[in-house]
Protein backbone atom coordinates (compact mmCIF):
# COMPACT_ATOMS: atom_id res chain seq x y z
CA MET A 1 -0.06 -0.06 0.00
CA GLN A 2 2.85 2.36 0.92
CA ARG A 3 4.61 1.54 -2.34
CA ARG A 4 1.58 2.32 -4.41
CA HIS A 5 1.19 5.65 -2.60
CA LEU A 6 4.80 6.54 -3.40
CA ILE A 7 4.29 5.64 -7.07
CA ALA A 8 1.07 7.77 -7.25
CA THR A 9 2.79 10.80 -5.67
CA ALA A 10 5.91 10.59 -7.89
CA PRO A 11 4.47 12.61 -10.79
CA LEU A 12 3.20 15.23 -8.35
CA LEU A 13 6.65 15.52 -6.70
CA GLY A 14 8.09 16.02 -10.22
CA LEU A 15 5.68 18.83 -10.97
CA LEU A 16 6.43 20.50 -7.70
CA THR A 17 10.18 20.23 -8.37
CA ARG A 18 9.78 21.89 -11.73
CA ALA A 19 7.44 24.61 -10.26
CA ARG A 20 10.04 25.37 -7.61
CA ALA A 21 12.83 25.63 -10.31
CA ALA A 22 10.67 27.90 -12.37
CA ALA A 23 9.87 30.11 -9.35
CA ALA A 24 13.54 30.22 -8.48
CA ASP A 25 14.47 31.48 -11.97
CA PRO A 26 11.55 33.33 -13.64
CA PHE A 27 13.86 34.50 -16.42
CA ASP A 28 14.67 30.98 -17.73
CA GLY A 29 18.41 31.68 -17.42
CA ASP A 30 18.19 34.96 -19.33
CA PRO A 31 21.39 36.98 -18.73
CA HIS A 32 19.36 40.17 -19.18
CA LYS A 33 16.82 39.01 -16.61
CA SER A 34 13.80 40.22 -18.64
CA HIS A 35 10.39 38.95 -17.53
CA LEU A 36 9.30 39.41 -21.14
CA TRP A 37 11.74 36.76 -22.48
CA PRO A 38 9.80 33.58 -21.66
CA PRO A 39 6.56 34.61 -23.29
CA LEU A 40 8.47 36.18 -26.21
CA ARG A 41 10.36 33.00 -26.81
CA THR A 42 7.18 30.92 -26.73
CA ASP A 43 5.46 33.23 -29.18
CA THR A 44 8.45 33.24 -31.56
CA ILE A 45 9.57 29.58 -31.69
CA GLY A 46 6.73 27.71 -29.74
CA ALA A 47 6.58 26.33 -26.26
CA LYS A 48 8.00 22.86 -27.16
CA ALA A 49 10.98 24.15 -29.24
CA ARG A 50 14.43 23.10 -28.05
CA TRP A 51 16.75 26.08 -27.32
CA ARG A 52 19.78 27.29 -25.42
CA PHE A 53 21.73 30.43 -24.83
CA ASP A 54 24.95 30.27 -26.87
CA ASP A 55 27.89 32.67 -26.85
CA ARG A 56 28.59 31.74 -30.50
CA VAL A 57 25.52 33.81 -31.45
CA GLN A 58 26.82 37.39 -31.20
CA VAL A 59 24.64 40.47 -31.37
CA GLN A 60 26.37 43.84 -31.51
CA GLY A 61 24.75 47.26 -31.19
CA PRO A 62 25.35 50.64 -29.59
CA GLY A 63 25.29 50.89 -25.77
CA PHE A 64 23.00 53.82 -26.19
CA ALA A 65 20.88 54.58 -29.31
CA GLU A 66 21.67 58.14 -30.26
CA ASP A 67 18.95 57.91 -33.00
CA PRO A 68 16.14 55.60 -31.86
CA MET A 69 14.76 55.73 -35.43
CA ASN A 70 17.92 54.14 -36.91
CA VAL A 71 19.49 51.74 -34.45
CA PRO A 72 22.43 49.75 -36.15
CA VAL A 73 22.59 46.11 -35.15
CA SER A 74 24.74 43.19 -36.46
CA VAL A 75 24.34 39.50 -35.94
CA ARG A 76 27.00 36.89 -36.39
CA ALA A 77 26.39 33.15 -35.73
CA GLU A 78 29.63 31.13 -35.56
CA LEU A 79 27.78 27.93 -36.28
CA ASP A 80 27.65 25.57 -39.18
CA GLY A 81 24.37 24.58 -40.93
CA VAL A 82 22.33 27.72 -39.93
CA GLN A 83 18.75 27.29 -41.26
CA ARG A 84 17.12 30.45 -39.87
CA ILE A 85 17.94 33.61 -38.05
CA VAL A 86 15.23 35.59 -36.27
CA VAL A 87 15.88 38.83 -34.46
CA VAL A 88 13.47 39.92 -31.69
CA VAL A 89 13.25 42.80 -29.22
CA ASP A 90 11.68 42.33 -25.83
CA ARG A 91 10.43 45.85 -25.24
CA ASN A 92 9.26 47.06 -28.61
CA PRO A 93 5.85 47.40 -30.32
CA ILE A 94 7.15 45.35 -33.24
CA LYS A 95 8.99 42.48 -31.48
CA LYS A 96 10.07 40.49 -34.51
CA VAL A 97 12.28 42.90 -36.49
CA LEU A 98 14.07 40.46 -38.88
CA GLU A 99 13.85 36.96 -40.20
CA LEU A 100 16.52 35.48 -42.54
CA GLN A 101 17.19 32.13 -44.12
CA PRO A 102 20.88 32.31 -45.08
CA VAL A 103 20.77 29.21 -47.45
CA ALA A 104 24.32 29.37 -48.84
CA ALA A 105 25.21 32.75 -47.51
CA LEU A 106 27.25 33.34 -44.34
CA PRO A 107 25.08 33.66 -41.22
CA VAL A 108 25.96 37.32 -40.76
CA VAL A 109 23.59 40.30 -41.18
CA SER A 110 23.62 44.02 -40.38
CA PHE A 111 20.61 46.19 -40.37
CA ARG A 112 18.83 49.14 -38.73
CA PHE A 113 15.50 49.33 -36.96
CA LYS A 114 13.44 51.66 -34.73
CA LEU A 115 13.82 51.09 -30.90
CA GLU A 116 11.04 52.34 -28.78
CA GLN A 117 12.93 52.00 -25.44
CA GLY A 118 15.98 50.30 -23.80
CA SER A 119 15.69 46.62 -24.44
CA PRO A 120 17.60 43.37 -24.99
CA VAL A 121 17.93 42.69 -28.74
CA ARG A 122 18.19 38.92 -29.39
CA ALA A 123 19.12 36.65 -32.28
CA LEU A 124 17.59 33.18 -32.33
CA VAL A 125 19.49 30.88 -34.74
CA LEU A 126 18.07 27.54 -35.81
CA VAL A 127 20.56 24.69 -36.34
CA GLY A 128 19.50 21.09 -36.61
CA GLY A 129 16.25 21.50 -34.71
CA VAL A 130 17.82 23.52 -31.90
CA TRP A 131 17.50 27.32 -31.42
CA HIS A 132 20.72 28.98 -30.25
CA VAL A 133 20.11 32.33 -28.63
CA GLY A 134 22.37 35.33 -28.15
CA GLY A 135 21.68 38.97 -27.37
CA ALA A 136 22.83 42.44 -26.36
CA TRP A 137 21.28 45.25 -24.35
CA VAL A 138 20.69 48.48 -26.20
CA ASP A 139 19.61 51.53 -24.15
CA SER A 140 17.39 54.22 -25.63
CA ALA A 141 15.48 57.27 -24.58
CA GLY A 142 12.77 56.39 -26.98
CA GLY A 143 11.50 58.12 -30.09
CA GLY A 144 7.88 57.52 -30.74
CA CYS A 145 6.09 58.81 -33.89
CA THR A 146 6.38 62.44 -33.16
CA VAL A 147 9.43 63.00 -31.01
CA SER A 148 12.68 63.85 -32.88
CA GLY A 149 15.21 61.07 -33.00
CA ALA A 150 18.90 61.50 -32.40
CA THR A 151 18.47 62.29 -28.72
CA ARG A 152 20.17 61.55 -25.44
CA LYS A 153 18.25 61.19 -22.17
CA ASP A 154 19.33 64.74 -21.25
CA GLY A 155 17.94 66.11 -24.54
CA SER A 156 21.32 67.52 -25.61
CA TRP A 157 21.31 66.19 -29.21
CA THR A 158 17.74 67.45 -29.77
CA GLN A 159 18.54 70.80 -28.40
CA THR A 160 21.52 71.43 -30.72
CA ARG A 161 19.40 70.51 -33.71
CA LEU A 162 22.56 69.40 -35.54
CA LEU A 163 21.72 65.59 -35.70
CA LEU A 164 25.32 65.13 -36.64
CA ASN A 165 25.54 61.43 -36.12
CA ALA A 166 22.73 60.78 -38.53
CA TRP A 167 24.13 62.39 -41.68
CA LEU A 168 27.84 63.22 -41.31
CA GLY A 169 29.84 61.58 -44.15
CA ALA A 170 26.88 60.25 -46.04
CA GLY A 171 27.10 62.58 -48.91
CA HIS A 172 30.81 62.09 -49.47
CA ALA A 173 30.44 58.40 -49.17
CA LEU A 174 27.82 58.30 -51.95
CA ALA A 175 29.86 60.67 -54.04
CA HIS A 176 33.06 58.59 -53.70
CA MET A 177 31.07 55.61 -54.98
CA ALA A 178 29.54 57.60 -57.84
CA GLN A 179 32.96 58.68 -59.05
CA LYS A 180 33.93 55.09 -59.70
CA PRO A 181 33.40 53.56 -63.19
CA GLY A 182 29.77 52.39 -63.18
CA GLY A 183 29.31 53.55 -59.66
CA LEU A 184 26.63 56.13 -60.39
CA GLU A 185 24.49 53.65 -62.29
CA LEU A 186 24.93 51.09 -59.56
CA LEU A 187 23.70 53.61 -57.03
CA ARG A 188 20.62 54.43 -59.10
CA GLN A 189 19.86 50.74 -59.52
CA MET A 190 20.14 50.19 -55.75
CA ALA A 191 17.80 53.08 -55.13
CA GLU A 192 15.31 51.66 -57.54
CA ARG A 193 15.48 47.88 -56.77
CA TRP A 194 16.64 47.62 -53.11
CA PRO A 195 14.10 48.79 -50.62
CA PHE A 196 16.66 48.99 -47.79
CA PHE A 197 18.90 51.43 -49.66
CA ASP A 198 15.99 53.45 -50.77
CA ASP A 199 14.76 53.63 -47.19
CA LEU A 200 18.31 54.75 -46.15
CA LEU A 201 18.23 57.63 -48.60
CA ALA A 202 14.72 58.64 -47.39
CA LYS A 203 15.84 58.72 -43.78
CA LEU A 204 18.96 60.79 -44.68
CA GLU A 205 16.74 63.33 -46.39
CA MET A 206 14.43 63.32 -43.28
CA VAL A 207 17.10 64.03 -40.72
CA CYS A 208 18.66 66.74 -42.97
CA ALA A 209 15.22 68.36 -43.10
CA LYS A 210 15.00 68.30 -39.33
CA ALA A 211 18.47 69.78 -38.68
CA ASP A 212 18.83 73.49 -38.19
CA LEU A 213 22.36 74.81 -38.55
CA GLU A 214 21.57 78.31 -37.29
CA ILE A 215 20.44 76.87 -33.94
CA ALA A 216 23.35 74.42 -33.99
CA GLU A 217 25.86 77.33 -34.47
CA LEU A 218 24.51 79.05 -31.30
CA TYR A 219 25.36 75.94 -29.29
CA LEU A 220 28.67 75.36 -30.87
CA SER A 221 29.70 78.98 -30.17
CA GLU A 222 29.77 77.98 -26.47
CA LEU A 223 32.74 75.74 -27.32
CA GLY A 224 35.00 78.71 -27.80
CA ASP A 225 37.01 78.77 -31.14
CA TYR A 226 34.35 76.90 -33.07
CA ARG A 227 34.32 78.68 -36.46
CA LYS A 228 36.59 76.27 -38.39
CA LEU A 229 34.74 73.24 -36.99
CA PHE A 230 31.36 74.71 -37.86
CA ALA A 231 32.51 75.74 -41.33
CA ASP A 232 33.56 72.10 -42.04
CA LEU A 233 30.28 70.79 -40.73
CA ARG A 234 28.25 73.32 -42.73
CA THR A 235 30.19 72.42 -45.91
CA GLU A 236 29.47 68.74 -45.33
CA PHE A 237 25.82 69.37 -44.58
CA GLU A 238 25.20 71.67 -47.63
CA THR A 239 26.90 69.11 -49.98
CA GLY A 240 25.08 66.11 -48.37
CA ASN A 241 22.28 66.15 -50.94
CA THR A 242 21.73 62.48 -51.83
CA ALA A 243 19.29 63.34 -54.59
CA ALA A 244 21.90 65.47 -56.22
CA VAL A 245 24.42 62.58 -56.15
CA LEU A 246 21.98 60.30 -57.87
CA ASP A 247 21.37 62.92 -60.46
CA GLY A 248 25.08 62.93 -61.18
CA GLU A 249 25.84 66.32 -59.54
CA ILE A 250 28.99 65.43 -57.57
CA ASP A 251 31.19 68.50 -58.38
CA GLY A 252 30.25 70.10 -55.07
CA PHE A 253 31.31 67.06 -53.09
CA ILE A 254 34.65 66.82 -54.94
CA GLU A 255 35.29 70.60 -54.38
CA SER A 256 34.45 70.43 -50.65
CA GLY A 257 36.66 67.37 -50.35
CA ILE A 258 39.56 69.23 -51.86
CA ARG A 259 39.00 72.20 -49.53
CA TRP A 260 38.80 69.93 -46.52
CA ARG A 261 42.15 68.17 -47.39
CA ARG A 262 43.84 71.52 -47.89
CA SER A 263 42.57 72.79 -44.49
CA GLU A 264 43.84 69.62 -42.84
CA ALA A 265 47.30 70.06 -44.51
CA ALA A 266 47.42 73.63 -43.30
């Protein structure tokens, strides 16, 4: 009778043991200790999927997102036979931000996305029926639909109205490519056929429209001898017209580059 009682209570004891373990670690071993991870994982790969945290899945992003509208992230999986890569964000309205099937390509991808607030950014990599998970924490002050991007928590980037980190160097980089044989035609084809590149150009135009150099100059004047620095920034900004580059108007970029090199030599 006692033996039958022990056999009957064994499943119950097992359930209690698992319940205690779950209560002891509500994060399922998550290094970022996010309460949202368990339900997010279930919604993404299913409750019965096999998975594990794996340092070979590397996610890299900025420690702080200066521009929440354009957060750069790269994912690298140092694994063989990668079937799928899914990138999810715990604290975001759109939680699944990317899904990729590398096929014969390397399991490496870089992209930008909008981050609503500070959150773990995770990559789930499927290999042989097991999901390997890696992630990184990216902090952000948020952006929303109406608040200007490129902002720190103290508001300094928004106040200067320079938005420097969003556009600096973009015009010269495009012009450099356009000067190469066949480069201009390639840029035009990319703008017409590749949505990611077209979106990048649209965002560059947007942040340039938001910037106000007159206000920015007032803030830079507090730095002391700012005139040479601001002159260089104004030249870069005024020649950073992506539409002009695609129209083949690159003389302004070339001339400003020559002036900049001469000033550096002096």
